[in-house]
C-alpha cells in the first residue's frame, strides 16, 4: 500500500490589493466594485507612478554642433 499523503490545506483566495479582504470572483482581483474604482482612481491620479531621477540629456552623434552643416 502506498503511504497516505496528508490532505492539502484549502487555499485562501488572494487578498484585495486595496483593502486586504478576500477577493471575489466577480471583481477579481478586488473584493468589490468600490475597491476596483478606488484602484482606478489611484492610477488616473498618478498615485502609482514610479519615482525616477531627472532624465539625462541625449548626446547627438556625429560631433557637429547643432545648427552647423
Protein backbone atom coordinates (compact mmCIF):
# COMPACT_ATOMS: atom_id res chain seq x y z
CA UNK A 1 0.00 0.00 0.00
CA UNK A 2 1.33 3.48 -0.83
CA UNK A 3 1.85 5.82 2.10
CA UNK A 4 -1.00 8.17 2.78
CA UNK A 5 -0.43 11.75 1.74
CA UNK A 6 -1.82 14.42 4.01
CA UNK A 7 -4.71 16.41 2.51
CA UNK A 8 -3.75 19.76 1.08
CA UNK A 9 -4.94 22.75 3.06
CA UNK A 10 -7.59 24.80 1.33
CA UNK A 11 -6.09 27.79 -0.47
CA UNK A 12 -7.25 31.17 0.68
CA UNK A 13 -8.45 33.44 -2.09
CA UNK A 14 -5.94 36.20 -2.87
CA UNK A 15 -6.32 39.38 -0.88
CA UNK A 16 -7.78 42.54 -2.39
CA UNK A 17 -4.86 44.91 -3.19
CA UNK A 18 -6.85 47.90 -1.87
CA UNK A 19 -8.33 46.73 1.45
CA UNK A 20 -6.90 43.25 2.07
CA UNK A 21 -10.23 41.39 2.21
CA UNK A 22 -10.56 38.10 0.26
CA UNK A 23 -11.09 38.74 -3.46
CA UNK A 24 -14.44 37.90 -5.01
CA UNK A 25 -14.58 36.07 -8.34
CA UNK A 26 -16.89 38.69 -9.87
CA UNK A 27 -14.45 41.53 -9.12
CA UNK A 28 -11.12 39.70 -9.21
CA UNK A 29 -8.51 40.65 -8.03
CA UNK A 30 -10.61 43.04 -5.92
CA UNK A 31 -13.26 42.27 -3.30
CA UNK A 32 -15.87 44.72 -4.61
CA UNK A 33 -16.66 47.24 -7.30
CA UNK A 34 -15.81 50.00 -4.82
CA UNK A 35 -12.23 48.75 -4.43
CA UNK A 36 -11.96 48.41 -8.22
CA UNK A 37 -12.98 52.08 -8.59
CA UNK A 38 -10.56 53.19 -5.83
CA UNK A 39 -7.72 51.43 -7.67
CA UNK A 40 -8.68 53.03 -10.99
CA UNK A 41 -8.75 56.45 -9.33
CA UNK A 42 -5.24 55.87 -7.99
CA UNK A 43 -3.98 55.03 -11.48
CA UNK A 44 -5.65 58.07 -13.03
CA UNK A 45 -4.27 60.50 -10.42
CA UNK A 46 -0.74 59.14 -10.71
CA UNK A 47 -0.56 57.62 -7.22
CA UNK A 48 1.06 54.51 -8.70
CA UNK A 49 3.78 56.43 -10.57
CA UNK A 50 7.31 55.08 -10.27
CA UNK A 51 9.67 57.78 -9.00
CA UNK A 52 12.61 58.47 -11.27
CA UNK A 53 15.57 60.81 -11.35
CA UNK A 54 15.97 63.59 -13.88
CA UNK A 55 16.47 62.48 -17.46
CA UNK A 56 19.98 62.69 -18.81
CA UNK A 57 20.36 64.82 -21.95
CA UNK A 58 20.91 62.77 -25.07
CA UNK A 59 24.17 63.29 -26.91
CA UNK A 60 23.99 63.78 -30.65
CA UNK A 61 26.07 61.52 -32.83
CA UNK A 62 28.44 62.98 -35.36
CA UNK A 63 30.19 65.56 -33.20
CA UNK A 64 29.00 68.65 -35.13
CA UNK A 65 27.37 71.35 -33.00
CA UNK A 66 23.67 71.88 -33.66
CA UNK A 67 22.86 74.29 -36.47
CA UNK A 68 26.04 73.69 -38.46
CA UNK A 69 26.03 71.71 -41.65
